N, C-alpha and C. Protein backbone atom coordinates (compact mmCIF):
# COMPACT_ATOMS: atom_id res chain seq x y z
N MET A 1 15.75 -5.96 6.52
CA MET A 1 15.44 -5.41 5.21
C MET A 1 16.71 -4.78 4.67
N SER A 2 17.02 -5.08 3.43
CA SER A 2 18.22 -4.51 2.82
C SER A 2 17.98 -3.06 2.45
N SER A 3 19.07 -2.37 2.19
CA SER A 3 19.00 -0.94 1.89
C SER A 3 19.85 -0.62 0.67
N ILE A 4 19.39 0.33 -0.11
CA ILE A 4 20.10 0.79 -1.29
C ILE A 4 20.27 2.30 -1.14
N SER A 5 21.46 2.79 -1.33
CA SER A 5 21.64 4.24 -1.29
C SER A 5 21.22 4.82 -2.64
N ALA A 6 20.76 6.04 -2.63
CA ALA A 6 20.35 6.69 -3.87
C ALA A 6 21.52 6.78 -4.84
N ASN A 7 22.72 6.99 -4.30
CA ASN A 7 23.89 7.08 -5.16
C ASN A 7 24.18 5.74 -5.82
N HIS A 8 24.07 4.64 -5.06
CA HIS A 8 24.27 3.30 -5.62
C HIS A 8 23.22 3.01 -6.69
N LEU A 9 22.01 3.42 -6.43
CA LEU A 9 20.93 3.24 -7.40
C LEU A 9 21.20 4.04 -8.66
N LYS A 10 21.73 5.24 -8.47
CA LYS A 10 22.03 6.10 -9.62
C LYS A 10 23.12 5.49 -10.50
N THR A 11 24.13 4.90 -9.86
CA THR A 11 25.23 4.34 -10.65
C THR A 11 24.95 2.94 -11.17
N GLN A 12 24.24 2.13 -10.41
CA GLN A 12 24.01 0.74 -10.79
C GLN A 12 22.65 0.49 -11.43
N GLY A 13 21.71 1.39 -11.24
CA GLY A 13 20.39 1.25 -11.84
C GLY A 13 19.60 0.07 -11.30
N VAL A 14 18.84 -0.56 -12.17
CA VAL A 14 17.96 -1.65 -11.79
C VAL A 14 18.73 -2.83 -11.21
N SER A 15 19.96 -3.01 -11.61
CA SER A 15 20.74 -4.12 -11.06
C SER A 15 20.95 -3.96 -9.56
N ALA A 16 21.02 -2.73 -9.04
CA ALA A 16 21.13 -2.50 -7.60
C ALA A 16 19.86 -2.96 -6.90
N ILE A 17 18.72 -2.73 -7.53
CA ILE A 17 17.45 -3.18 -6.96
C ILE A 17 17.38 -4.70 -6.98
N ALA A 18 17.73 -5.30 -8.11
CA ALA A 18 17.70 -6.76 -8.23
C ALA A 18 18.61 -7.40 -7.19
N GLU A 19 19.77 -6.82 -6.97
CA GLU A 19 20.72 -7.35 -5.98
C GLU A 19 20.14 -7.25 -4.57
N ALA A 20 19.51 -6.13 -4.25
CA ALA A 20 18.93 -5.94 -2.92
C ALA A 20 17.75 -6.87 -2.69
N LEU A 21 17.00 -7.17 -3.75
CA LEU A 21 15.82 -8.02 -3.61
C LEU A 21 16.13 -9.51 -3.73
N ALA A 22 17.39 -9.84 -3.94
CA ALA A 22 17.75 -11.25 -4.07
C ALA A 22 17.51 -12.01 -2.77
N ASP A 23 17.66 -11.34 -1.63
CA ASP A 23 17.54 -12.00 -0.33
C ASP A 23 16.34 -11.54 0.49
N ALA A 24 15.60 -10.58 -0.01
CA ALA A 24 14.47 -10.04 0.75
C ALA A 24 13.38 -9.59 -0.22
N PRO A 25 12.11 -9.61 0.22
CA PRO A 25 11.02 -9.22 -0.69
C PRO A 25 10.92 -7.70 -0.89
N GLU A 26 11.59 -6.93 -0.03
CA GLU A 26 11.55 -5.47 -0.16
C GLU A 26 12.86 -4.88 0.30
N ALA A 27 13.15 -3.67 -0.15
CA ALA A 27 14.39 -2.98 0.22
C ALA A 27 14.12 -1.49 0.35
N MET A 28 14.81 -0.86 1.28
CA MET A 28 14.70 0.58 1.49
C MET A 28 15.65 1.29 0.53
N VAL A 29 15.24 2.46 0.07
CA VAL A 29 16.12 3.33 -0.70
C VAL A 29 16.37 4.54 0.18
N SER A 30 17.65 4.77 0.49
CA SER A 30 18.00 5.89 1.36
C SER A 30 18.55 7.04 0.53
N VAL A 31 18.13 8.24 0.91
CA VAL A 31 18.58 9.46 0.26
C VAL A 31 19.24 10.31 1.33
N ARG A 32 20.51 10.61 1.13
CA ARG A 32 21.30 11.37 2.11
C ARG A 32 21.22 10.76 3.52
N GLY A 33 21.26 9.43 3.56
CA GLY A 33 21.29 8.72 4.83
C GLY A 33 19.95 8.48 5.48
N LYS A 34 18.87 8.96 4.88
CA LYS A 34 17.53 8.76 5.45
C LYS A 34 16.70 7.88 4.54
N ASP A 35 16.01 6.89 5.15
CA ASP A 35 15.14 6.02 4.36
C ASP A 35 14.00 6.83 3.78
N ARG A 36 13.82 6.74 2.45
CA ARG A 36 12.79 7.55 1.78
C ARG A 36 11.80 6.73 0.98
N PHE A 37 12.22 5.60 0.44
CA PHE A 37 11.37 4.82 -0.44
C PHE A 37 11.54 3.33 -0.15
N VAL A 38 10.57 2.55 -0.60
CA VAL A 38 10.65 1.10 -0.51
C VAL A 38 10.41 0.54 -1.91
N VAL A 39 11.26 -0.39 -2.31
CA VAL A 39 11.04 -1.10 -3.58
C VAL A 39 10.80 -2.57 -3.24
N MET A 40 10.01 -3.21 -4.06
CA MET A 40 9.70 -4.62 -3.82
C MET A 40 9.42 -5.31 -5.14
N ASN A 41 9.52 -6.63 -5.11
CA ASN A 41 9.18 -7.36 -6.32
C ASN A 41 7.66 -7.35 -6.48
N ILE A 42 7.23 -7.55 -7.69
CA ILE A 42 5.80 -7.42 -8.01
C ILE A 42 4.95 -8.47 -7.30
N GLU A 43 5.49 -9.66 -7.09
CA GLU A 43 4.73 -10.69 -6.40
C GLU A 43 4.42 -10.26 -4.97
N HIS A 44 5.41 -9.67 -4.30
CA HIS A 44 5.20 -9.19 -2.93
C HIS A 44 4.19 -8.04 -2.91
N TYR A 45 4.26 -7.16 -3.89
CA TYR A 45 3.30 -6.05 -4.00
C TYR A 45 1.88 -6.60 -4.14
N HIS A 46 1.69 -7.57 -5.02
CA HIS A 46 0.36 -8.15 -5.21
C HIS A 46 -0.13 -8.84 -3.94
N TYR A 47 0.78 -9.50 -3.22
CA TYR A 47 0.42 -10.13 -1.95
C TYR A 47 -0.06 -9.08 -0.95
N LEU A 48 0.66 -7.97 -0.84
CA LEU A 48 0.27 -6.91 0.10
C LEU A 48 -1.07 -6.28 -0.30
N ARG A 49 -1.29 -6.09 -1.58
CA ARG A 49 -2.57 -5.54 -2.04
C ARG A 49 -3.71 -6.49 -1.70
N GLU A 50 -3.48 -7.80 -1.89
CA GLU A 50 -4.50 -8.79 -1.58
C GLU A 50 -4.82 -8.77 -0.08
N CYS A 51 -3.79 -8.63 0.75
CA CYS A 51 -4.00 -8.53 2.20
C CYS A 51 -4.82 -7.29 2.55
N GLU A 52 -4.51 -6.18 1.90
CA GLU A 52 -5.23 -4.94 2.14
C GLU A 52 -6.70 -5.08 1.74
N LEU A 53 -6.95 -5.68 0.60
CA LEU A 53 -8.33 -5.87 0.15
C LEU A 53 -9.09 -6.86 1.03
N SER A 54 -8.41 -7.89 1.49
CA SER A 54 -9.05 -8.85 2.41
C SER A 54 -9.43 -8.18 3.72
N ALA A 55 -8.56 -7.31 4.22
CA ALA A 55 -8.86 -6.59 5.46
C ALA A 55 -10.05 -5.65 5.26
N ALA A 56 -10.12 -4.98 4.12
CA ALA A 56 -11.24 -4.08 3.84
C ALA A 56 -12.55 -4.87 3.74
N LEU A 57 -12.49 -6.03 3.11
CA LEU A 57 -13.68 -6.87 3.00
C LEU A 57 -14.14 -7.34 4.37
N ALA A 58 -13.21 -7.77 5.21
CA ALA A 58 -13.56 -8.22 6.56
C ALA A 58 -14.17 -7.08 7.37
N GLU A 59 -13.64 -5.88 7.23
CA GLU A 59 -14.19 -4.72 7.93
C GLU A 59 -15.61 -4.41 7.45
N SER A 60 -15.82 -4.48 6.15
CA SER A 60 -17.16 -4.23 5.60
C SER A 60 -18.16 -5.28 6.06
N GLN A 61 -17.73 -6.53 6.09
CA GLN A 61 -18.62 -7.60 6.54
C GLN A 61 -18.97 -7.42 8.02
N ALA A 62 -18.01 -6.99 8.82
CA ALA A 62 -18.26 -6.74 10.25
C ALA A 62 -19.24 -5.59 10.42
N ASP A 63 -19.09 -4.54 9.60
CA ASP A 63 -20.02 -3.41 9.66
C ASP A 63 -21.43 -3.86 9.28
N MET A 64 -21.55 -4.67 8.25
CA MET A 64 -22.87 -5.17 7.83
C MET A 64 -23.49 -6.01 8.95
N ALA A 65 -22.71 -6.90 9.55
CA ALA A 65 -23.22 -7.78 10.60
C ALA A 65 -23.65 -6.99 11.83
N ALA A 66 -22.97 -5.85 12.08
CA ALA A 66 -23.29 -5.04 13.26
C ALA A 66 -24.37 -3.99 12.96
N GLY A 67 -24.82 -3.95 11.71
CA GLY A 67 -25.86 -2.99 11.35
C GLY A 67 -25.36 -1.58 11.13
N ARG A 68 -24.06 -1.43 10.91
CA ARG A 68 -23.49 -0.10 10.67
C ARG A 68 -23.50 0.22 9.17
N PHE A 69 -24.69 0.43 8.64
CA PHE A 69 -24.84 0.80 7.24
C PHE A 69 -26.15 1.57 7.07
N VAL A 70 -26.29 2.22 5.94
CA VAL A 70 -27.48 3.01 5.64
C VAL A 70 -28.03 2.55 4.31
N THR A 71 -29.36 2.37 4.25
CA THR A 71 -30.02 2.06 2.99
C THR A 71 -30.82 3.29 2.60
N GLU A 72 -30.49 3.86 1.43
CA GLU A 72 -31.16 5.09 1.01
C GLU A 72 -31.05 5.24 -0.50
N SER A 73 -31.82 6.17 -1.04
CA SER A 73 -31.79 6.43 -2.48
C SER A 73 -30.52 7.22 -2.81
N VAL A 74 -30.24 7.30 -4.10
CA VAL A 74 -29.07 8.07 -4.55
C VAL A 74 -29.23 9.53 -4.15
N ASP A 75 -30.43 10.09 -4.35
CA ASP A 75 -30.66 11.49 -4.00
C ASP A 75 -30.45 11.73 -2.51
N ALA A 76 -30.98 10.86 -1.67
CA ALA A 76 -30.80 11.00 -0.22
C ALA A 76 -29.32 10.87 0.15
N HIS A 77 -28.64 9.98 -0.51
CA HIS A 77 -27.22 9.78 -0.25
C HIS A 77 -26.43 11.05 -0.60
N MET A 78 -26.72 11.62 -1.76
CA MET A 78 -26.02 12.84 -2.20
C MET A 78 -26.30 13.99 -1.25
N LYS A 79 -27.51 14.13 -0.77
CA LYS A 79 -27.87 15.19 0.19
C LYS A 79 -27.12 14.97 1.49
N ARG A 80 -27.03 13.73 1.95
CA ARG A 80 -26.33 13.43 3.19
C ARG A 80 -24.83 13.74 3.06
N LEU A 81 -24.25 13.41 1.91
CA LEU A 81 -22.85 13.71 1.68
C LEU A 81 -22.59 15.21 1.63
N ALA A 82 -23.51 15.96 1.04
CA ALA A 82 -23.36 17.41 0.95
C ALA A 82 -23.33 18.08 2.31
N LYS A 83 -23.97 17.47 3.31
CA LYS A 83 -24.02 18.04 4.64
C LYS A 83 -22.77 17.75 5.47
N LEU A 84 -21.95 16.80 5.00
CA LEU A 84 -20.75 16.46 5.75
C LEU A 84 -19.73 17.59 5.68
N PRO A 85 -18.95 17.76 6.75
CA PRO A 85 -17.94 18.84 6.76
C PRO A 85 -16.83 18.63 5.77
């Protein structure tokens, strides 16, 4: 993964990001020598979001198949939530 220093980003702006993303889908932004942020192109961001949503859907489907769910009214649901720590 490529890296961009905060100082380089400050002087070069978006062109520093474009240069770093030319060879990789994401790049680290380092501040005072420590990695602090990640920048990525929008296509890669959408791909990661889709993966995250697919994983959540698979987890929900597994919970449904295993019977790990509750069927209740809105009022019962609100009362149950109120009792949670």
